[in-house]
Amino acid sequence: MDLNDLNIFQTVAAHGSVSKAAAELSYVQSNVTARIKLLEKELQTPLFNRHKRGMILNAEGKRLLQYTKSILSQFEEMKHAFQNTSAPSGVLEIGIVETVIALPAILHAYYSKYPDVELSLKAGVTESLVQEVAEMRLDGAFVTGPVKHPLIEQFDVFQEKLVLVSQGDDFSVEDLTTRPLLLYKKGCGYRGRLETWLKMEGIIPKQIMEFGTFETIIGSVAAGIGMTVFPESSISGLVTQGLVCGHAMPEPYNEVTTVFIRRKEAFVTSTLQSFIDEIITQTEA
C-alpha cells in the first residue's frame, strides 16, 4: 500500500465509478481496478458494494476513507511546510456565504497586493463550508458565526443585523403563517436564526421554499412570491430602489456575526496568513 493507492481509492469513492476515477487521474480503468483489488487483498476485506451503475463504499470502505482523508491531508500539509516560500503565491481556496457584503473590498485589496495568488471562491451555506474547512478541502471560509467545532479557529469579521424581507412595506408577524418563506437550504446561518425565533414564538410557516442563490431568492421576493431573511446591508441598495422592504427582527435573533474560519493546527502558508492579515486590516479600518 502506498499514497497513490489511497489517492486512487479516495477518487473512486468520490465518484462511485472506476471509469470516472480513471478519467480524473488519467489512468487506464484496468489499472484503477487492479489497485483497488490489491488494496482490498492487503486489508483482507472488500471496500465497496459493486453494482451495475457503479460502486458504493461499504462499512469498511467508509472507515478506510476517514483514515485516507487524514493521511493525504497530512501529507499535503507536510509538502506545504517544506515547499512554502515567503512570497504569497499559488491557489487559495476560500468558501463564502453569498451575502458577505464586505468581501469585494477584501478581495480587491488582497489581490492588489498579491497578484500572484489565484483566488478560488466556493459559495455555500455555513454548515457545509465549516465541514469542508475541517476536512481541509478549503483553506478557509467566510461563514455565519460563532462556529462551535473542535477543529475550527475563527476570526470575527463584522457584525450585522438580520431583517425580514418582503415586497411591500405592509408587514405583520401573521404574514409568516400565510406567505411562503424563501430560504437557503438547511445549514444556512440566517435560516437558523429565523427558525429559532419562529420556534420560540410558536409560529408555523405556511411553506418553506429552498433556493440556491441570493439573486434567485431576492428576485422571487421582489416578484411577490414570498418573504426571506438577509443581513440588512445586503439589501440596502434594493430597498433604496424600492424593489423590496426590510422589517426588523427582535433581539437577539437579529444579531449575526460573519467570521473567517480555518482548520486548527493546520500549517498556515504565507498565502493564507497574508489573506488573514488583510481581513484584519480591512475590518479594523
C-alpha atoms as a PDB file:
ATOM      1  CA  MET A   1       0.000   0.000   0.000  1.00  0.00           C
ATOM      2  CA  ASP A   2       1.277   3.492  -0.836  1.00  0.00           C
ATOM      3  CA  LEU A   3      -0.103   7.039  -1.010  1.00  0.00           C
ATOM      4  CA  ASN A   4      -1.038   6.582  -4.656  1.00  0.00           C
ATOM      5  CA  ASP A   5      -3.224   3.607  -3.755  1.00  0.00           C
ATOM      6  CA  LEU A   6      -5.019   5.725  -1.168  1.00  0.00           C
ATOM      7  CA  ASN A   7      -5.476   8.548  -3.663  1.00  0.00           C
ATOM      8  CA  ILE A   8      -6.970   6.115  -6.190  1.00  0.00           C
ATOM      9  CA  PHE A   9      -9.262   4.689  -3.505  1.00  0.00           C
ATOM     10  CA  GLN A  10     -10.433   8.158  -2.449  1.00  0.00           C
ATOM     11  CA  THR A  11     -11.118   9.177  -6.048  1.00  0.00           C
ATOM     12  CA  VAL A  12     -13.150   6.029  -6.764  1.00  0.00           C
ATOM     13  CA  ALA A  13     -15.081   6.581  -3.529  1.00  0.00           C
ATOM     14  CA  ALA A  14     -15.830  10.189  -4.506  1.00  0.00           C
ATOM     15  CA  HIS A  15     -17.126   9.287  -7.983  1.00  0.00           C
ATOM     16  CA  GLY A  16     -18.619   5.875  -7.213  1.00  0.00           C
ATOM     17  CA  SER A  17     -17.175   4.786 -10.536  1.00  0.00           C
ATOM     18  CA  VAL A  18     -13.889   3.280 -11.726  1.00  0.00           C
ATOM     19  CA  SER A  19     -14.239   4.849 -15.177  1.00  0.00           C
ATOM     20  CA  LYS A  20     -14.800   8.372 -13.810  1.00  0.00           C
ATOM     21  CA  ALA A  21     -11.936   7.985 -11.351  1.00  0.00           C
ATOM     22  CA  ALA A  22      -9.644   6.734 -14.117  1.00  0.00           C
ATOM     23  CA  ALA A  23     -10.559   9.728 -16.286  1.00  0.00           C
ATOM     24  CA  GLU A  24      -9.805  12.192 -13.489  1.00  0.00           C
ATOM     25  CA  LEU A  25      -6.495  10.519 -12.642  1.00  0.00           C
ATOM     26  CA  SER A  26      -5.529   9.933 -16.292  1.00  0.00           C
ATOM     27  CA  TYR A  27      -5.144   6.194 -15.671  1.00  0.00           C
ATOM     28  CA  VAL A  28      -6.489   3.248 -17.622  1.00  0.00           C
ATOM     29  CA  GLN A  29      -9.500   1.616 -15.981  1.00  0.00           C
ATOM     30  CA  SER A  30      -7.772  -1.725 -15.612  1.00  0.00           C
ATOM     31  CA  ASN A  31      -5.018  -0.123 -13.548  1.00  0.00           C
ATOM     32  CA  VAL A  32      -7.526   1.525 -11.203  1.00  0.00           C
ATOM     33  CA  THR A  33      -9.437  -1.745 -10.812  1.00  0.00           C
ATOM     34  CA  ALA A  34      -6.229  -3.658 -10.119  1.00  0.00           C
ATOM     35  CA  ARG A  35      -5.084  -1.168  -7.441  1.00  0.00           C
ATOM     36  CA  ILE A  36      -8.457  -1.320  -5.673  1.00  0.00           C
ATOM     37  CA  LYS A  37      -8.398  -5.139  -5.683  1.00  0.00           C
ATOM     38  CA  LEU A  38      -4.825  -5.136  -4.385  1.00  0.00           C
ATOM     39  CA  LEU A  39      -5.824  -2.759  -1.598  1.00  0.00           C
ATOM     40  CA  GLU A  40      -8.752  -4.989  -0.642  1.00  0.00           C
ATOM     41  CA  LYS A  41      -6.455  -8.017  -0.668  1.00  0.00           C
ATOM     42  CA  GLU A  42      -3.900  -6.290   1.545  1.00  0.00           C
ATOM     43  CA  LEU A  43      -6.559  -5.191   4.028  1.00  0.00           C
ATOM     44  CA  GLN A  44      -8.297  -8.583   3.745  1.00  0.00           C
ATOM     45  CA  THR A  45     -11.757  -7.073   3.291  1.00  0.00           C
ATOM     46  CA  PRO A  46     -13.982  -5.760   0.495  1.00  0.00           C
ATOM     47  CA  LEU A  47     -14.268  -1.964   0.496  1.00  0.00           C
ATOM     48  CA  PHE A  48     -17.136  -1.444  -1.958  1.00  0.00           C
ATOM     49  CA  ASN A  49     -20.564  -2.806  -2.742  1.00  0.00           C
ATOM     50  CA  ARG A  50     -20.457  -3.253  -6.517  1.00  0.00           C
ATOM     51  CA  HIS A  51     -23.496  -2.915  -8.772  1.00  0.00           C
ATOM     52  CA  LYS A  52     -24.259  -2.252 -12.426  1.00  0.00           C
ATOM     53  CA  ARG A  53     -24.252   1.535 -12.041  1.00  0.00           C
ATOM     54  CA  GLY A  54     -21.036   1.794 -10.077  1.00  0.00           C
ATOM     55  CA  MET A  55     -19.550   1.232  -6.646  1.00  0.00           C
ATOM     56  CA  ILE A  56     -20.688   2.318  -3.176  1.00  0.00           C
ATOM     57  CA  LEU A  57     -18.497   2.219  -0.074  1.00  0.00           C
ATOM     58  CA  ASN A  58     -19.426  -0.436   2.462  1.00  0.00           C
ATOM     59  CA  ALA A  59     -18.844  -0.016   6.213  1.00  0.00           C
ATOM     60  CA  GLU A  60     -15.162  -0.958   5.979  1.00  0.00           C
ATOM     61  CA  GLY A  61     -14.692   1.309   2.987  1.00  0.00           C
ATOM     62  CA  LYS A  62     -16.164   4.248   4.894  1.00  0.00           C
ATOM     63  CA  ARG A  63     -13.795   3.540   7.771  1.00  0.00           C
ATOM     64  CA  LEU A  64     -10.807   3.464   5.444  1.00  0.00           C
ATOM     65  CA  LEU A  65     -11.940   6.706   3.792  1.00  0.00           C
ATOM     66  CA  GLN A  66     -11.652   8.542   7.119  1.00  0.00           C
ATOM     67  CA  TYR A  67      -8.073   7.306   7.551  1.00  0.00           C
ATOM     68  CA  THR A  68      -7.315   8.145   3.933  1.00  0.00           C
ATOM     69  CA  LYS A  69      -8.527  11.749   4.206  1.00  0.00           C
ATOM     70  CA  SER A  70      -6.409  12.252   7.311  1.00  0.00           C
ATOM     71  CA  ILE A  71      -3.278  10.670   5.810  1.00  0.00           C
ATOM     72  CA  LEU A  72      -3.485  12.522   2.498  1.00  0.00           C
ATOM     73  CA  SER A  73      -4.232  15.878   4.142  1.00  0.00           C
ATOM     74  CA  GLN A  74      -1.254  15.460   6.472  1.00  0.00           C
ATOM     75  CA  PHE A  75       0.933  14.586   3.502  1.00  0.00           C
ATOM     76  CA  GLU A  76      -0.179  17.750   1.684  1.00  0.00           C
ATOM     77  CA  GLU A  77       0.435  19.750   4.842  1.00  0.00           C
ATOM     78  CA  MET A  78       3.954  18.335   5.062  1.00  0.00           C
ATOM     79  CA  LYS A  79       4.663  19.323   1.450  1.00  0.00           C
ATOM     80  CA  HIS A  80       3.386  22.842   2.076  1.00  0.00           C
ATOM     81  CA  ALA A  81       5.593  23.156   5.146  1.00  0.00           C
ATOM     82  CA  PHE A  82       8.754  22.378   3.147  1.00  0.00           C
ATOM     83  CA  GLN A  83       7.795  23.983  -0.161  1.00  0.00           C
ATOM     84  CA  ASN A  84       6.312  27.180   1.228  1.00  0.00           C
ATOM     85  CA  THR A  85       8.067  30.413   0.283  1.00  0.00           C
ATOM     86  CA  SER A  86       7.819  33.832   1.858  1.00  0.00           C
ATOM     87  CA  ALA A  87       6.092  35.381  -1.173  1.00  0.00           C
ATOM     88  CA  PRO A  88       2.346  34.584  -1.308  1.00  0.00           C
ATOM     89  CA  SER A  89       1.515  32.663  -4.481  1.00  0.00           C
ATOM     90  CA  GLY A  90      -0.453  29.671  -5.742  1.00  0.00           C
ATOM     91  CA  VAL A  91      -4.144  28.890  -5.274  1.00  0.00           C
ATOM     92  CA  LEU A  92      -6.126  29.997  -2.238  1.00  0.00           C
ATOM     93  CA  GLU A  93      -9.470  28.192  -1.972  1.00  0.00           C
ATOM     94  CA  ILE A  94     -11.977  30.184   0.050  1.00  0.00           C
ATOM     95  CA  GLY A  95     -15.602  29.402   0.872  1.00  0.00           C
ATOM     96  CA  ILE A  96     -18.202  32.156   1.144  1.00  0.00           C
ATOM     97  CA  VAL A  97     -21.802  32.693   2.093  1.00  0.00           C
ATOM     98  CA  GLU A  98     -23.191  34.814  -0.724  1.00  0.00           C
ATOM     99  CA  THR A  99     -24.204  37.851   1.316  1.00  0.00           C
ATOM    100  CA  VAL A 100     -20.796  38.892   2.697  1.00  0.00           C
ATOM    101  CA  ILE A 101     -21.123  42.494   1.562  1.00  0.00           C
ATOM    102  CA  ALA A 102     -17.534  43.415   2.537  1.00  0.00           C
ATOM    103  CA  LEU A 103     -15.972  40.584   0.546  1.00  0.00           C
ATOM    104  CA  PRO A 104     -15.325  42.505  -2.714  1.00  0.00           C
ATOM    105  CA  ALA A 105     -13.336  45.147  -0.825  1.00  0.00           C
ATOM    106  CA  ILE A 106     -11.268  42.491   0.969  1.00  0.00           C
ATOM    107  CA  LEU A 107     -10.593  40.577  -2.256  1.00  0.00           C
ATOM    108  CA  HIS A 108      -9.686  43.739  -4.179  1.00  0.00           C
ATOM    109  CA  ALA A 109      -7.243  44.899  -1.506  1.00  0.00           C
ATOM    110  CA  TYR A 110      -5.654  41.463  -1.245  1.00  0.00           C
ATOM    111  CA  TYR A 111      -5.313  40.885  -4.981  1.00  0.00           C
ATOM    112  CA  SER A 112      -3.837  44.340  -5.456  1.00  0.00           C
ATOM    113  CA  LYS A 113      -1.032  43.424  -3.054  1.00  0.00           C
ATOM    114  CA  TYR A 114      -0.560  39.795  -4.141  1.00  0.00           C
ATOM    115  CA  PRO A 115      -1.347  39.396  -7.864  1.00  0.00           C
ATOM    116  CA  ASP A 116       0.461  36.024  -7.998  1.00  0.00           C
ATOM    117  CA  VAL A 117      -2.222  34.441  -5.830  1.00  0.00           C
ATOM    118  CA  GLU A 118      -5.111  32.741  -7.621  1.00  0.00           C
ATOM    119  CA  LEU A 119      -8.270  33.133  -5.561  1.00  0.00           C
ATOM    120  CA  SER A 120     -10.817  30.341  -5.963  1.00  0.00           C
ATOM    121  CA  LEU A 121     -14.202  31.046  -4.354  1.00  0.00           C
ATOM    122  CA  LYS A 122     -16.865  28.493  -3.496  1.00  0.00           C
ATOM    123  CA  ALA A 123     -20.328  29.601  -2.387  1.00  0.00           C
ATOM    124  CA  GLY A 124     -22.281  27.534   0.105  1.00  0.00           C
ATOM    125  CA  VAL A 125     -24.160  27.521   3.393  1.00  0.00           C
ATOM    126  CA  THR A 126     -22.386  27.793   6.723  1.00  0.00           C
ATOM    127  CA  GLU A 127     -22.757  24.168   7.795  1.00  0.00           C
ATOM    128  CA  SER A 128     -21.281  22.661   4.635  1.00  0.00           C
ATOM    129  CA  LEU A 129     -18.453  25.232   4.439  1.00  0.00           C
ATOM    130  CA  VAL A 130     -17.439  24.520   8.044  1.00  0.00           C
ATOM    131  CA  GLN A 131     -17.223  20.824   7.217  1.00  0.00           C
ATOM    132  CA  GLU A 132     -15.114  21.458   4.123  1.00  0.00           C
ATOM    133  CA  VAL A 133     -12.669  23.595   6.098  1.00  0.00           C
ATOM    134  CA  ALA A 134     -12.497  20.962   8.850  1.00  0.00           C
ATOM    135  CA  GLU A 135     -11.705  18.319   6.221  1.00  0.00           C
ATOM    136  CA  MET A 136      -9.114  20.673   4.647  1.00  0.00           C
ATOM    137  CA  ARG A 137     -10.910  20.795   1.307  1.00  0.00           C
ATOM    138  CA  LEU A 138     -10.949  24.592   1.669  1.00  0.00           C
ATOM    139  CA  ASP A 139      -8.188  26.820   3.045  1.00  0.00           C
ATOM    140  CA  GLY A 140     -10.748  28.938   4.865  1.00  0.00           C
ATOM    141  CA  ALA A 141     -14.258  30.348   4.627  1.00  0.00           C
ATOM    142  CA  PHE A 142     -16.462  33.314   5.494  1.00  0.00           C
ATOM    143  CA  VAL A 143     -19.455  31.930   7.403  1.00  0.00           C
ATOM    144  CA  THR A 144     -22.084  32.877   9.956  1.00  0.00           C
ATOM    145  CA  GLY A 145     -20.694  32.607  13.467  1.00  0.00           C
ATOM    146  CA  PRO A 146     -20.000  31.802  16.110  1.00  0.00           C
ATOM    147  CA  VAL A 147     -18.849  28.374  14.955  1.00  0.00           C
ATOM    148  CA  LYS A 148     -18.676  25.606  17.533  1.00  0.00           C
ATOM    149  CA  HIS A 149     -16.375  22.940  16.098  1.00  0.00           C
ATOM    150  CA  PRO A 150     -13.328  21.387  17.811  1.00  0.00           C
ATOM    151  CA  LEU A 151     -11.192  21.617  14.656  1.00  0.00           C
ATOM    152  CA  ILE A 152     -12.046  25.213  13.717  1.00  0.00           C
ATOM    153  CA  GLU A 153     -10.361  28.506  14.558  1.00  0.00           C
ATOM    154  CA  GLN A 154     -12.340  31.668  13.811  1.00  0.00           C
ATOM    155  CA  PHE A 155     -11.780  35.406  13.430  1.00  0.00           C
ATOM    156  CA  ASP A 156     -14.603  37.933  13.708  1.00  0.00           C
ATOM    157  CA  VAL A 157     -15.015  39.955  10.510  1.00  0.00           C
ATOM    158  CA  PHE A 158     -18.052  42.132  11.219  1.00  0.00           C
ATOM    159  CA  GLN A 159     -21.478  42.156  12.861  1.00  0.00           C
ATOM    160  CA  GLU A 160     -24.776  42.834  11.146  1.00  0.00           C
ATOM    161  CA  LYS A 161     -28.500  42.932  11.724  1.00  0.00           C
ATOM    162  CA  LEU A 162     -30.823  40.450  10.076  1.00  0.00           C
ATOM    163  CA  VAL A 163     -34.100  41.703   8.651  1.00  0.00           C
ATOM    164  CA  LEU A 164     -37.170  40.045   7.204  1.00  0.00           C
ATOM    165  CA  VAL A 165     -37.514  40.988   3.557  1.00  0.00           C
ATOM    166  CA  SER A 166     -40.792  41.352   1.671  1.00  0.00           C
ATOM    167  CA  GLN A 167     -42.030  43.018  -1.498  1.00  0.00           C
ATOM    168  CA  GLY A 168     -44.052  45.729   0.237  1.00  0.00           C
ATOM    169  CA  ASP A 169     -43.807  47.746   3.437  1.00  0.00           C
ATOM    170  CA  ASP A 170     -47.043  46.408   4.909  1.00  0.00           C
ATOM    171  CA  PHE A 171     -45.984  43.595   7.241  1.00  0.00           C
ATOM    172  CA  SER A 172     -47.142  41.794  10.355  1.00  0.00           C
ATOM    173  CA  VAL A 173     -45.873  38.665  12.074  1.00  0.00           C
ATOM    174  CA  GLU A 174     -49.027  36.860  10.920  1.00  0.00           C
ATOM    175  CA  ASP A 175     -47.747  37.177   7.341  1.00  0.00           C
ATOM    176  CA  LEU A 176     -45.200  34.469   8.179  1.00  0.00           C
ATOM    177  CA  THR A 177     -48.063  31.985   8.513  1.00  0.00           C
ATOM    178  CA  THR A 178     -49.775  32.949   5.266  1.00  0.00           C
ATOM    179  CA  ARG A 179     -46.907  33.600   2.838  1.00  0.00           C
ATOM    180  CA  PRO A 180     -44.087  31.246   1.770  1.00  0.00           C
ATOM    181  CA  LEU A 181     -40.607  31.680   3.198  1.00  0.00           C
ATOM    182  CA  LEU A 182     -37.891  31.665   0.526  1.00  0.00           C
ATOM    183  CA  LEU A 183     -34.683  30.405   2.104  1.00  0.00           C
ATOM    184  CA  TYR A 184     -31.336  28.763   1.504  1.00  0.00           C
ATOM    185  CA  LYS A 185     -31.173  25.048   2.288  1.00  0.00           C
ATOM    186  CA  LYS A 186     -30.657  23.704   5.828  1.00  0.00           C
ATOM    187  CA  GLY A 187     -27.302  24.679   7.248  1.00  0.00           C
ATOM    188  CA  CYS A 188     -27.648  28.387   6.435  1.00  0.00           C
ATOM    189  CA  GLY A 189     -26.896  30.539   9.480  1.00  0.00           C
ATOM    190  CA  TYR A 190     -29.533  33.156   8.600  1.00  0.00           C
ATOM    191  CA  ARG A 191     -32.178  30.487   8.206  1.00  0.00           C
ATOM    192  CA  GLY A 192     -31.141  29.007  11.543  1.00  0.00           C
ATOM    193  CA  ARG A 193     -31.655  32.336  13.330  1.00  0.00           C
ATOM    194  CA  LEU A 194     -35.086  32.783  11.755  1.00  0.00           C
ATOM    195  CA  GLU A 195     -36.243  29.250  12.537  1.00  0.00           C
ATOM    196  CA  THR A 196     -35.099  29.583  16.159  1.00  0.00           C
ATOM    197  CA  TRP A 197     -37.161  32.749  16.544  1.00  0.00           C
ATOM    198  CA  LEU A 198     -40.218  31.195  14.887  1.00  0.00           C
ATOM    199  CA  LYS A 199     -39.974  28.154  17.132  1.00  0.00           C
ATOM    200  CA  MET A 200     -39.738  30.301  20.273  1.00  0.00           C
ATOM    201  CA  GLU A 201     -42.801  32.269  19.156  1.00  0.00           C
ATOM    202  CA  GLY A 202     -44.737  29.151  18.195  1.00  0.00           C
ATOM    203  CA  ILE A 203     -45.069  30.387  14.613  1.00  0.00           C
ATOM    204  CA  ILE A 204     -45.507  27.719  11.943  1.00  0.00           C
ATOM    205  CA  PRO A 205     -44.633  28.965   8.442  1.00  0.00           C
ATOM    206  CA  LYS A 206     -47.115  28.294   5.671  1.00  0.00           C
ATOM    207  CA  GLN A 207     -44.402  26.889   3.395  1.00  0.00           C
ATOM    208  CA  ILE A 208     -40.621  26.895   3.041  1.00  0.00           C
ATOM    209  CA  MET A 209     -39.229  27.056  -0.483  1.00  0.00           C
ATOM    210  CA  GLU A 210     -35.497  26.382  -0.838  1.00  0.00           C
ATOM    211  CA  PHE A 211     -33.290  28.196  -3.351  1.00  0.00           C
ATOM    212  CA  GLY A 212     -29.585  28.100  -4.139  1.00  0.00           C
ATOM    213  CA  THR A 213     -28.600  31.708  -4.825  1.00  0.00           C
ATOM    214  CA  PHE A 214     -29.137  35.164  -3.387  1.00  0.00           C
ATOM    215  CA  GLU A 215     -30.262  36.507  -6.763  1.00  0.00           C
ATOM    216  CA  THR A 216     -32.988  33.885  -7.130  1.00  0.00           C
ATOM    217  CA  ILE A 217     -34.299  34.403  -3.614  1.00  0.00           C
ATOM    218  CA  ILE A 218     -34.325  38.192  -3.686  1.00  0.00           C
ATOM    219  CA  GLY A 219     -35.745  38.248  -7.217  1.00  0.00           C
ATOM    220  CA  SER A 220     -38.588  35.997  -6.118  1.00  0.00           C
ATOM    221  CA  VAL A 221     -39.268  38.202  -3.086  1.00  0.00           C
ATOM    222  CA  ALA A 222     -39.336  41.283  -5.336  1.00  0.00           C
ATOM    223  CA  ALA A 223     -41.852  39.455  -7.541  1.00  0.00           C
ATOM    224  CA  GLY A 224     -44.138  38.973  -4.536  1.00  0.00           C
ATOM    225  CA  ILE A 225     -43.752  35.202  -4.223  1.00  0.00           C
ATOM    226  CA  GLY A 226     -42.850  35.236  -0.536  1.00  0.00           C
ATOM    227  CA  MET A 227     -40.530  36.520   2.193  1.00  0.00           C
ATOM    228  CA  THR A 228     -36.958  35.848   3.258  1.00  0.00           C
ATOM    229  CA  VAL A 229     -34.293  36.826   5.793  1.00  0.00           C
ATOM    230  CA  PHE A 230     -30.964  38.512   4.973  1.00  0.00           C
ATOM    231  CA  PRO A 231     -28.423  40.880   6.524  1.00  0.00           C
ATOM    232  CA  GLU A 232     -29.665  44.460   6.252  1.00  0.00           C
ATOM    233  CA  SER A 233     -26.532  45.560   4.386  1.00  0.00           C
ATOM    234  CA  SER A 234     -27.067  43.043   1.590  1.00  0.00           C
ATOM    235  CA  ILE A 235     -30.454  44.514   0.609  1.00  0.00           C
ATOM    236  CA  SER A 236     -29.870  48.223   1.307  1.00  0.00           C
ATOM    237  CA  GLY A 237     -29.446  49.070  -2.394  1.00  0.00           C
ATOM    238  CA  LEU A 238     -32.615  47.195  -3.315  1.00  0.00           C
ATOM    239  CA  VAL A 239     -34.528  48.957  -0.551  1.00  0.00           C
ATOM    240  CA  THR A 240     -33.348  52.336  -1.886  1.00  0.00           C
ATOM    241  CA  GLN A 241     -34.599  51.333  -5.344  1.00  0.00           C
ATOM    242  CA  GLY A 242     -37.982  50.420  -3.881  1.00  0.00           C
ATOM    243  CA  LEU A 243     -37.732  46.784  -5.016  1.00  0.00           C
ATOM    244  CA  VAL A 244     -38.021  45.232  -1.540  1.00  0.00           C
ATOM    245  CA  CYS A 245     -38.591  46.295   2.057  1.00  0.00           C
ATOM    246  CA  GLY A 246     -36.783  45.261   5.225  1.00  0.00           C
ATOM    247  CA  HIS A 247     -38.566  44.639   8.531  1.00  0.00           C
ATOM    248  CA  ALA A 248     -36.871  44.423  11.932  1.00  0.00           C
ATOM    249  CA  MET A 249     -36.478  41.118  13.730  1.00  0.00           C
ATOM    250  CA  PRO A 250     -36.409  41.044  17.547  1.00  0.00           C
ATOM    251  CA  GLU A 251     -33.177  40.747  19.509  1.00  0.00           C
ATOM    252  CA  PRO A 252     -31.165  38.587  19.911  1.00  0.00           C
ATOM    253  CA  TYR A 253     -32.328  36.696  16.819  1.00  0.00           C
ATOM    254  CA  ASN A 254     -31.445  39.589  14.534  1.00  0.00           C
ATOM    255  CA  GLU A 255     -27.779  39.616  15.524  1.00  0.00           C
ATOM    256  CA  VAL A 256     -25.396  37.882  13.132  1.00  0.00           C
ATOM    257  CA  THR A 257     -21.608  37.790  13.066  1.00  0.00           C
ATOM    258  CA  THR A 258     -19.635  36.920   9.962  1.00  0.00           C
ATOM    259  CA  VAL A 259     -16.432  35.084  10.841  1.00  0.00           C
ATOM    260  CA  PHE A 260     -13.487  33.787   8.850  1.00  0.00           C
ATOM    261  CA  ILE A 261     -12.584  30.215   9.743  1.00  0.00           C
ATOM    262  CA  ARG A 262      -9.586  27.948   9.197  1.00  0.00           C
ATOM    263  CA  ARG A 263      -8.587  24.482  10.323  1.00  0.00           C
ATOM    264  CA  LYS A 264      -6.863  24.497  13.725  1.00  0.00           C
ATOM    265  CA  GLU A 265      -3.289  23.238  13.896  1.00  0.00           C
ATOM    266  CA  ALA A 266      -3.020  23.022  10.110  1.00  0.00           C
ATOM    267  CA  PHE A 267       0.098  24.606   8.655  1.00  0.00           C
ATOM    268  CA  VAL A 268      -0.575  28.241   7.747  1.00  0.00           C
ATOM    269  CA  THR A 269       1.056  29.091   4.425  1.00  0.00           C
ATOM    270  CA  SER A 270       2.303  32.608   3.787  1.00  0.00           C
ATOM    271  CA  THR A 271      -0.546  32.911   1.268  1.00  0.00           C
ATOM    272  CA  LEU A 272      -3.225  32.119   3.833  1.00  0.00           C
ATOM    273  CA  GLN A 273      -1.562  34.191   6.552  1.00  0.00           C
ATOM    274  CA  SER A 274      -1.383  37.221   4.279  1.00  0.00           C
ATOM    275  CA  PHE A 275      -5.096  36.772   3.497  1.00  0.00           C
ATOM    276  CA  ILE A 276      -5.962  36.636   7.217  1.00  0.00           C
ATOM    277  CA  ASP A 277      -3.812  39.721   7.800  1.00  0.00           C
ATOM    278  CA  GLU A 278      -5.705  41.567   5.061  1.00  0.00           C
ATOM    279  CA  ILE A 279      -9.057  40.632   6.643  1.00  0.00           C
ATOM    280  CA  ILE A 280      -7.865  42.045   9.965  1.00  0.00           C
ATOM    281  CA  THR A 281      -6.611  45.212   8.260  1.00  0.00           C
ATOM    282  CA  GLN A 282      -9.899  45.764   6.423  1.00  0.00           C
ATOM    283  CA  THR A 283     -12.074  45.140   9.490  1.00  0.00           C
ATOM    284  CA  GLU A 284     -10.030  47.500  11.639  1.00  0.00           C
ATOM    285  CA  ALA A 285     -10.060  50.281   9.038  1.00  0.00           C
END
